[in-house]
């Protein structure tokens, strides 16, 4: 499995992500998805916590969006490009220990639209369920 979820600056010439991109500041990695369609873990480090010591909500939302999108892009015969059209996120508990594990399950994968559910667990705190989200996408197949 790869240690970063994005191609480097020279890997995909028409869709470059520069080496200094914020995504490369996170300590995250793909993990075996189990019964999910795609999964990643992210370490809870001092760089990503808020003033109360919990994973900052916006960064957790970024993880959710990335995991949902990657689930669609990694699906055989799936989208080659996808854009988030709606993200609904429920924070249920603070993630303080880490790593957090985000598991994506594709609920609908139509020709142009998709809906993905993402559940986030604090694995270092006994797999505490800390957030759940539904993410809608507009997609494109080439």
N, C-alpha and C. Protein backbone atom coordinates (compact mmCIF):
# COMPACT_ATOMS: atom_id res chain seq x y z
N UNK A 1 0.83 -1.17 0.00
CA UNK A 1 0.00 0.00 0.00
C UNK A 1 0.89 1.25 0.00
N UNK A 2 0.38 2.29 -0.56
CA UNK A 2 1.13 3.54 -0.65
C UNK A 2 1.04 4.33 0.66
N UNK A 3 2.04 5.15 0.94
CA UNK A 3 2.04 5.91 2.18
C UNK A 3 1.36 7.26 2.03
N UNK A 4 1.15 7.74 0.83
CA UNK A 4 0.42 8.99 0.62
C UNK A 4 -0.70 8.74 -0.37
N UNK A 5 -1.83 9.41 -0.20
CA UNK A 5 -2.99 9.12 -1.05
C UNK A 5 -3.01 9.86 -2.38
N UNK A 6 -1.96 10.59 -2.71
CA UNK A 6 -1.99 11.41 -3.89
C UNK A 6 -0.75 11.21 -4.73
N UNK A 7 -0.86 11.37 -6.03
CA UNK A 7 0.34 11.29 -6.87
C UNK A 7 1.27 12.46 -6.59
N UNK A 8 2.53 12.23 -6.81
CA UNK A 8 3.51 13.30 -6.65
C UNK A 8 3.44 14.28 -7.80
N UNK A 9 4.21 15.34 -7.76
CA UNK A 9 4.14 16.39 -8.77
C UNK A 9 4.47 15.93 -10.18
N UNK A 10 5.23 14.85 -10.33
CA UNK A 10 5.61 14.39 -11.66
C UNK A 10 4.86 13.15 -12.12
N UNK A 11 3.99 12.60 -11.26
CA UNK A 11 3.34 11.34 -11.58
C UNK A 11 2.17 11.48 -12.55
N UNK A 12 1.41 12.55 -12.45
CA UNK A 12 0.22 12.74 -13.30
C UNK A 12 0.30 14.13 -13.89
N UNK A 13 0.91 14.28 -15.06
CA UNK A 13 1.18 15.63 -15.59
C UNK A 13 -0.04 16.51 -15.77
N UNK A 14 -1.22 15.95 -16.07
CA UNK A 14 -2.37 16.81 -16.31
C UNK A 14 -3.14 17.14 -15.03
N UNK A 15 -2.80 16.50 -13.90
CA UNK A 15 -3.49 16.76 -12.64
C UNK A 15 -2.45 16.79 -11.52
N UNK A 16 -1.57 17.71 -11.57
CA UNK A 16 -0.47 17.77 -10.60
C UNK A 16 -0.91 18.27 -9.24
N UNK A 17 -0.33 17.68 -8.22
CA UNK A 17 -0.42 18.17 -6.86
C UNK A 17 1.01 18.46 -6.46
N UNK A 18 1.29 19.70 -6.16
CA UNK A 18 2.67 20.09 -5.88
C UNK A 18 3.16 19.43 -4.60
N UNK A 19 4.45 19.22 -4.52
CA UNK A 19 5.05 18.54 -3.37
C UNK A 19 4.78 19.27 -2.07
N UNK A 20 4.56 20.57 -2.12
CA UNK A 20 4.30 21.36 -0.91
C UNK A 20 2.83 21.39 -0.52
N UNK A 21 1.98 20.66 -1.23
CA UNK A 21 0.55 20.66 -0.96
C UNK A 21 0.27 20.27 0.49
N UNK A 22 -0.75 20.85 1.08
CA UNK A 22 -1.11 20.58 2.47
C UNK A 22 -1.36 19.10 2.74
N UNK A 23 -1.85 18.37 1.75
CA UNK A 23 -2.14 16.95 1.95
C UNK A 23 -0.91 16.17 2.38
N UNK A 24 0.25 16.60 1.97
CA UNK A 24 1.47 15.88 2.30
C UNK A 24 1.95 16.17 3.73
N UNK A 25 1.29 17.10 4.42
CA UNK A 25 1.64 17.39 5.81
C UNK A 25 0.98 16.41 6.78
N UNK A 26 -0.05 15.69 6.33
CA UNK A 26 -0.75 14.73 7.19
C UNK A 26 0.00 13.42 7.25
N UNK A 27 -0.07 12.78 8.39
CA UNK A 27 0.51 11.44 8.54
C UNK A 27 -0.62 10.44 8.35
N UNK A 28 -0.91 10.12 7.08
CA UNK A 28 -2.01 9.21 6.77
C UNK A 28 -1.57 8.18 5.77
N UNK A 29 -2.32 7.08 5.72
CA UNK A 29 -1.95 5.97 4.85
C UNK A 29 -3.18 5.11 4.55
N UNK A 30 -3.13 4.46 3.40
CA UNK A 30 -4.15 3.48 3.08
C UNK A 30 -3.96 2.27 3.99
N UNK A 31 -5.07 1.64 4.34
CA UNK A 31 -5.04 0.41 5.12
C UNK A 31 -6.00 -0.58 4.47
N UNK A 32 -5.86 -1.84 4.84
CA UNK A 32 -6.78 -2.85 4.32
C UNK A 32 -8.21 -2.46 4.73
N UNK A 33 -9.13 -2.45 3.76
CA UNK A 33 -10.47 -1.95 4.06
C UNK A 33 -11.39 -2.90 4.80
N UNK A 34 -11.01 -4.17 4.96
CA UNK A 34 -11.93 -5.10 5.61
C UNK A 34 -13.20 -5.22 4.79
N UNK A 35 -14.36 -4.99 5.40
CA UNK A 35 -15.62 -5.08 4.66
C UNK A 35 -16.03 -3.75 4.03
N UNK A 36 -15.19 -2.74 4.13
CA UNK A 36 -15.46 -1.44 3.50
C UNK A 36 -14.93 -1.46 2.06
N UNK A 37 -15.25 -0.41 1.30
CA UNK A 37 -14.74 -0.28 -0.06
C UNK A 37 -13.36 0.35 -0.11
N UNK A 38 -13.04 1.18 0.88
CA UNK A 38 -11.73 1.83 0.94
C UNK A 38 -11.54 2.33 2.36
N UNK A 39 -10.30 2.34 2.85
CA UNK A 39 -10.04 2.81 4.20
C UNK A 39 -8.66 3.45 4.30
N UNK A 40 -8.56 4.44 5.19
CA UNK A 40 -7.29 5.09 5.48
C UNK A 40 -7.22 5.34 6.99
N UNK A 41 -5.99 5.46 7.48
CA UNK A 41 -5.77 5.86 8.86
C UNK A 41 -4.97 7.16 8.87
N UNK A 42 -5.22 7.96 9.89
CA UNK A 42 -4.51 9.22 10.07
C UNK A 42 -4.08 9.32 11.52
N UNK A 43 -2.82 9.64 11.75
CA UNK A 43 -2.31 9.80 13.10
C UNK A 43 -2.85 11.09 13.72
N UNK A 44 -3.12 11.06 15.01
CA UNK A 44 -3.52 12.25 15.75
C UNK A 44 -2.25 12.79 16.40
N UNK A 45 -1.70 13.81 15.80
CA UNK A 45 -0.43 14.39 16.24
C UNK A 45 -0.66 15.84 16.65
N UNK A 46 0.31 16.45 17.31
CA UNK A 46 0.14 17.86 17.70
C UNK A 46 -0.14 18.80 16.52
N UNK A 47 0.24 18.42 15.31
CA UNK A 47 0.00 19.27 14.13
C UNK A 47 -1.47 19.33 13.73
N UNK A 48 -2.28 18.34 14.17
CA UNK A 48 -3.66 18.26 13.68
C UNK A 48 -4.72 18.35 14.77
N UNK A 49 -4.31 18.70 16.00
CA UNK A 49 -5.30 18.79 17.07
C UNK A 49 -5.68 20.24 17.35
N UNK A 50 -6.86 20.41 17.96
CA UNK A 50 -7.32 21.75 18.34
C UNK A 50 -6.85 22.07 19.76
N UNK A 51 -7.32 23.16 20.32
CA UNK A 51 -6.86 23.59 21.64
C UNK A 51 -7.27 22.66 22.77
N UNK A 52 -8.24 21.78 22.54
CA UNK A 52 -8.64 20.81 23.57
C UNK A 52 -7.93 19.46 23.39
N UNK A 53 -7.05 19.38 22.40
CA UNK A 53 -6.28 18.15 22.21
C UNK A 53 -6.96 17.10 21.35
N UNK A 54 -8.07 17.45 20.72
CA UNK A 54 -8.80 16.52 19.84
C UNK A 54 -8.48 16.82 18.38
N UNK A 55 -8.61 15.83 17.53
CA UNK A 55 -8.42 16.04 16.09
C UNK A 55 -9.33 17.17 15.64
N UNK A 56 -8.76 18.16 14.98
CA UNK A 56 -9.52 19.35 14.54
C UNK A 56 -10.59 18.91 13.54
N UNK A 57 -11.81 19.43 13.71
CA UNK A 57 -12.95 19.00 12.92
C UNK A 57 -12.80 19.18 11.43
N UNK A 58 -12.22 20.28 11.01
CA UNK A 58 -12.03 20.52 9.58
C UNK A 58 -11.06 19.54 8.96
N UNK A 59 -10.06 19.12 9.72
CA UNK A 59 -9.11 18.14 9.21
C UNK A 59 -9.72 16.75 9.17
N UNK A 60 -10.60 16.45 10.14
CA UNK A 60 -11.33 15.19 10.07
C UNK A 60 -12.25 15.19 8.85
N UNK A 61 -12.88 16.34 8.56
CA UNK A 61 -13.73 16.46 7.37
C UNK A 61 -12.91 16.26 6.09
N UNK A 62 -11.69 16.76 6.08
CA UNK A 62 -10.81 16.55 4.93
C UNK A 62 -10.52 15.07 4.74
N UNK A 63 -10.22 14.37 5.84
CA UNK A 63 -9.99 12.92 5.76
C UNK A 63 -11.22 12.21 5.20
N UNK A 64 -12.41 12.57 5.69
CA UNK A 64 -13.65 11.96 5.22
C UNK A 64 -13.82 12.17 3.71
N UNK A 65 -13.62 13.39 3.25
CA UNK A 65 -13.78 13.72 1.83
C UNK A 65 -12.79 12.93 0.97
N UNK A 66 -11.56 12.85 1.42
CA UNK A 66 -10.53 12.13 0.66
C UNK A 66 -10.85 10.64 0.59
N UNK A 67 -11.23 10.05 1.71
CA UNK A 67 -11.53 8.61 1.73
C UNK A 67 -12.74 8.29 0.86
N UNK A 68 -13.77 9.12 0.92
CA UNK A 68 -14.95 8.89 0.07
C UNK A 68 -14.59 8.99 -1.40
N UNK A 69 -13.85 10.03 -1.76
CA UNK A 69 -13.45 10.21 -3.15
C UNK A 69 -12.56 9.09 -3.65
N UNK A 70 -11.61 8.68 -2.83
CA UNK A 70 -10.72 7.58 -3.22
C UNK A 70 -11.49 6.28 -3.41
N UNK A 71 -12.51 6.05 -2.58
CA UNK A 71 -13.33 4.85 -2.75
C UNK A 71 -13.94 4.81 -4.15
N UNK A 72 -14.42 5.96 -4.62
CA UNK A 72 -15.02 6.02 -5.95
C UNK A 72 -13.98 5.87 -7.05
N UNK A 73 -12.84 6.49 -6.89
CA UNK A 73 -11.80 6.44 -7.92
C UNK A 73 -11.11 5.08 -7.98
N UNK A 74 -11.11 4.34 -6.89
CA UNK A 74 -10.46 3.03 -6.84
C UNK A 74 -11.38 1.91 -7.29
N UNK A 75 -12.67 2.17 -7.43
CA UNK A 75 -13.63 1.14 -7.83
C UNK A 75 -13.42 0.79 -9.30
N UNK A 76 -13.23 -0.49 -9.61
CA UNK A 76 -13.08 -0.88 -11.02
C UNK A 76 -14.28 -0.43 -11.85
N UNK A 77 -14.00 0.19 -12.99
CA UNK A 77 -15.06 0.69 -13.86
C UNK A 77 -15.72 1.94 -13.32
N UNK A 78 -15.12 2.54 -12.31
CA UNK A 78 -15.70 3.71 -11.67
C UNK A 78 -15.31 5.00 -12.33
N UNK A 79 -15.38 6.06 -11.56
CA UNK A 79 -15.11 7.39 -12.08
C UNK A 79 -13.61 7.60 -12.28
N UNK A 80 -13.28 8.42 -13.24
CA UNK A 80 -11.90 8.86 -13.42
C UNK A 80 -11.70 10.22 -12.76
N UNK A 81 -12.78 10.94 -12.54
CA UNK A 81 -12.76 12.21 -11.82
C UNK A 81 -14.06 12.31 -11.03
N UNK A 82 -13.96 12.94 -9.86
CA UNK A 82 -15.15 13.13 -9.03
C UNK A 82 -15.01 14.42 -8.25
N UNK A 83 -16.11 15.14 -8.11
CA UNK A 83 -16.12 16.38 -7.34
C UNK A 83 -17.20 16.27 -6.27
N UNK A 84 -16.85 16.64 -5.06
CA UNK A 84 -17.79 16.61 -3.95
C UNK A 84 -18.89 17.64 -4.20
N UNK A 85 -20.14 17.21 -4.11
CA UNK A 85 -21.25 18.14 -4.25
C UNK A 85 -21.94 18.42 -2.91
N UNK A 86 -21.81 17.50 -1.96
CA UNK A 86 -22.38 17.73 -0.62
C UNK A 86 -21.67 16.81 0.37
N UNK A 87 -21.41 17.34 1.56
CA UNK A 87 -20.81 16.56 2.62
C UNK A 87 -21.58 16.85 3.90
N UNK A 88 -22.17 15.82 4.48
CA UNK A 88 -22.89 15.95 5.75
C UNK A 88 -22.13 15.13 6.78
N UNK A 89 -21.64 15.79 7.83
CA UNK A 89 -20.77 15.15 8.81
C UNK A 89 -21.32 15.32 10.21
N UNK A 90 -21.45 14.21 10.93
CA UNK A 90 -21.86 14.23 12.33
C UNK A 90 -20.65 13.88 13.20
N UNK A 91 -20.27 14.81 14.08
CA UNK A 91 -19.22 14.54 15.05
C UNK A 91 -19.89 13.95 16.29
N UNK A 92 -19.47 12.78 16.70
CA UNK A 92 -20.13 12.11 17.83
C UNK A 92 -19.28 12.10 19.09
N UNK A 93 -17.97 12.03 18.93
CA UNK A 93 -17.04 12.05 20.06
C UNK A 93 -15.74 12.66 19.58
N UNK A 94 -14.93 13.11 20.51
CA UNK A 94 -13.62 13.66 20.15
C UNK A 94 -12.64 12.52 19.89
N UNK A 95 -11.82 12.67 18.87
CA UNK A 95 -10.75 11.71 18.58
C UNK A 95 -9.47 12.29 19.17
N UNK A 96 -8.98 11.66 20.23
CA UNK A 96 -7.82 12.18 20.94
C UNK A 96 -6.61 11.26 20.91
N UNK A 97 -6.82 9.97 20.73
CA UNK A 97 -5.72 9.02 20.87
C UNK A 97 -5.09 8.71 19.52
N UNK A 98 -5.88 8.21 18.61
CA UNK A 98 -5.42 7.89 17.28
C UNK A 98 -4.65 6.58 17.22
N UNK A 99 -4.39 6.12 16.02
CA UNK A 99 -4.84 6.79 14.80
C UNK A 99 -6.34 6.67 14.61
N UNK A 100 -6.89 7.58 13.79
CA UNK A 100 -8.29 7.46 13.40
C UNK A 100 -8.34 6.68 12.10
N UNK A 101 -9.35 5.84 11.98
CA UNK A 101 -9.54 5.02 10.79
C UNK A 101 -10.85 5.45 10.12
N UNK A 102 -10.78 5.83 8.86
CA UNK A 102 -11.96 6.23 8.09
C UNK A 102 -12.27 5.13 7.09
N UNK A 103 -13.48 4.61 7.15
CA UNK A 103 -13.92 3.51 6.28
C UNK A 103 -15.05 3.99 5.38
N UNK A 104 -14.86 3.85 4.08
CA UNK A 104 -15.85 4.30 3.10
C UNK A 104 -16.63 3.11 2.54
N UNK A 105 -17.92 3.30 2.42
CA UNK A 105 -18.80 2.31 1.80
C UNK A 105 -19.64 3.03 0.75
N UNK A 106 -19.56 2.58 -0.48
CA UNK A 106 -20.31 3.21 -1.57
C UNK A 106 -21.76 2.76 -1.47
N UNK A 107 -22.66 3.74 -1.31
CA UNK A 107 -24.09 3.45 -1.22
C UNK A 107 -24.75 3.48 -2.58
N UNK A 108 -24.33 4.40 -3.44
CA UNK A 108 -24.87 4.52 -4.80
C UNK A 108 -23.74 4.95 -5.71
N UNK A 109 -23.64 4.29 -6.83
CA UNK A 109 -22.59 4.61 -7.80
C UNK A 109 -23.22 4.63 -9.18
N UNK A 110 -23.88 5.75 -9.48
CA UNK A 110 -24.55 5.88 -10.76
C UNK A 110 -23.63 6.37 -11.85
N UNK A 111 -24.21 6.64 -13.00
CA UNK A 111 -23.41 7.07 -14.13
C UNK A 111 -22.74 8.42 -13.88
N UNK A 112 -23.46 9.37 -13.25
CA UNK A 112 -22.90 10.71 -13.01
C UNK A 112 -22.92 11.14 -11.53
N UNK A 113 -23.64 10.42 -10.68
CA UNK A 113 -23.70 10.79 -9.27
C UNK A 113 -23.43 9.58 -8.38
N UNK A 114 -22.91 9.86 -7.20
CA UNK A 114 -22.61 8.79 -6.25
C UNK A 114 -22.81 9.31 -4.83
N UNK A 115 -23.09 8.38 -3.92
CA UNK A 115 -23.20 8.70 -2.50
C UNK A 115 -22.36 7.67 -1.74
N UNK A 116 -21.54 8.18 -0.82
CA UNK A 116 -20.64 7.33 -0.05
C UNK A 116 -20.84 7.63 1.43
N UNK A 117 -20.89 6.59 2.23
CA UNK A 117 -20.94 6.73 3.70
C UNK A 117 -19.54 6.50 4.23
N UNK A 118 -19.12 7.35 5.16
CA UNK A 118 -17.81 7.19 5.79
C UNK A 118 -18.00 7.18 7.30
N UNK A 119 -17.46 6.15 7.95
CA UNK A 119 -17.46 6.05 9.40
C UNK A 119 -16.03 6.19 9.87
N UNK A 120 -15.84 6.97 10.95
CA UNK A 120 -14.51 7.25 11.48
C UNK A 120 -14.43 6.71 12.91
N UNK A 121 -13.35 5.98 13.18
CA UNK A 121 -13.13 5.35 14.48
C UNK A 121 -11.78 5.77 15.05
N UNK A 122 -11.73 5.99 16.35
CA UNK A 122 -10.46 6.24 17.04
C UNK A 122 -9.95 4.87 17.47
N UNK A 123 -9.05 4.31 16.69
CA UNK A 123 -8.59 2.94 16.94
C UNK A 123 -7.79 2.83 18.23
N UNK A 124 -7.11 3.89 18.62
CA UNK A 124 -6.35 3.87 19.86
C UNK A 124 -7.21 3.97 21.10
N UNK A 125 -8.47 4.27 20.93
CA UNK A 125 -9.42 4.37 22.04
C UNK A 125 -10.48 3.28 21.93
N UNK A 126 -10.03 2.08 21.58
CA UNK A 126 -10.95 0.94 21.51
C UNK A 126 -11.93 1.00 20.36
N UNK A 127 -11.51 1.57 19.24
CA UNK A 127 -12.37 1.70 18.05
C UNK A 127 -13.62 2.53 18.34
N UNK A 128 -13.47 3.56 19.16
CA UNK A 128 -14.60 4.46 19.45
C UNK A 128 -15.07 5.11 18.16
N UNK A 129 -16.38 5.03 17.90
CA UNK A 129 -16.99 5.61 16.70
C UNK A 129 -17.11 7.11 16.93
N UNK A 130 -16.26 7.91 16.25
CA UNK A 130 -16.19 9.35 16.53
C UNK A 130 -16.94 10.22 15.53
N UNK A 131 -17.19 9.71 14.33
CA UNK A 131 -17.89 10.52 13.32
C UNK A 131 -18.49 9.62 12.26
N UNK A 132 -19.54 10.13 11.64
CA UNK A 132 -20.13 9.45 10.49
C UNK A 132 -20.54 10.53 9.48
N UNK A 133 -20.45 10.19 8.21
CA UNK A 133 -20.72 11.18 7.16
C UNK A 133 -21.34 10.52 5.95
N UNK A 134 -22.09 11.31 5.20
CA UNK A 134 -22.49 10.93 3.84
C UNK A 134 -21.93 12.01 2.92
N UNK A 135 -21.35 11.55 1.83
CA UNK A 135 -20.72 12.45 0.88
C UNK A 135 -21.30 12.16 -0.50
N UNK A 136 -21.80 13.20 -1.16
CA UNK A 136 -22.35 13.07 -2.52
C UNK A 136 -21.34 13.62 -3.50
N UNK A 137 -21.26 12.97 -4.65
CA UNK A 137 -20.32 13.35 -5.69
C UNK A 137 -20.98 13.46 -7.04
N UNK A 138 -20.44 14.32 -7.88
CA UNK A 138 -20.71 14.32 -9.29
C UNK A 138 -19.47 13.72 -9.93
N UNK A 139 -19.66 12.71 -10.75
CA UNK A 139 -18.49 12.01 -11.30
C UNK A 139 -18.46 12.02 -12.80
N UNK A 140 -17.33 11.57 -13.31
CA UNK A 140 -17.12 11.52 -14.75
C UNK A 140 -16.29 10.29 -15.08
N UNK A 141 -16.71 9.61 -16.12
CA UNK A 141 -15.97 8.47 -16.64
C UNK A 141 -15.37 8.88 -17.97
N UNK A 142 -14.15 8.48 -18.19
CA UNK A 142 -13.51 8.84 -19.47
C UNK A 142 -13.36 7.63 -20.35
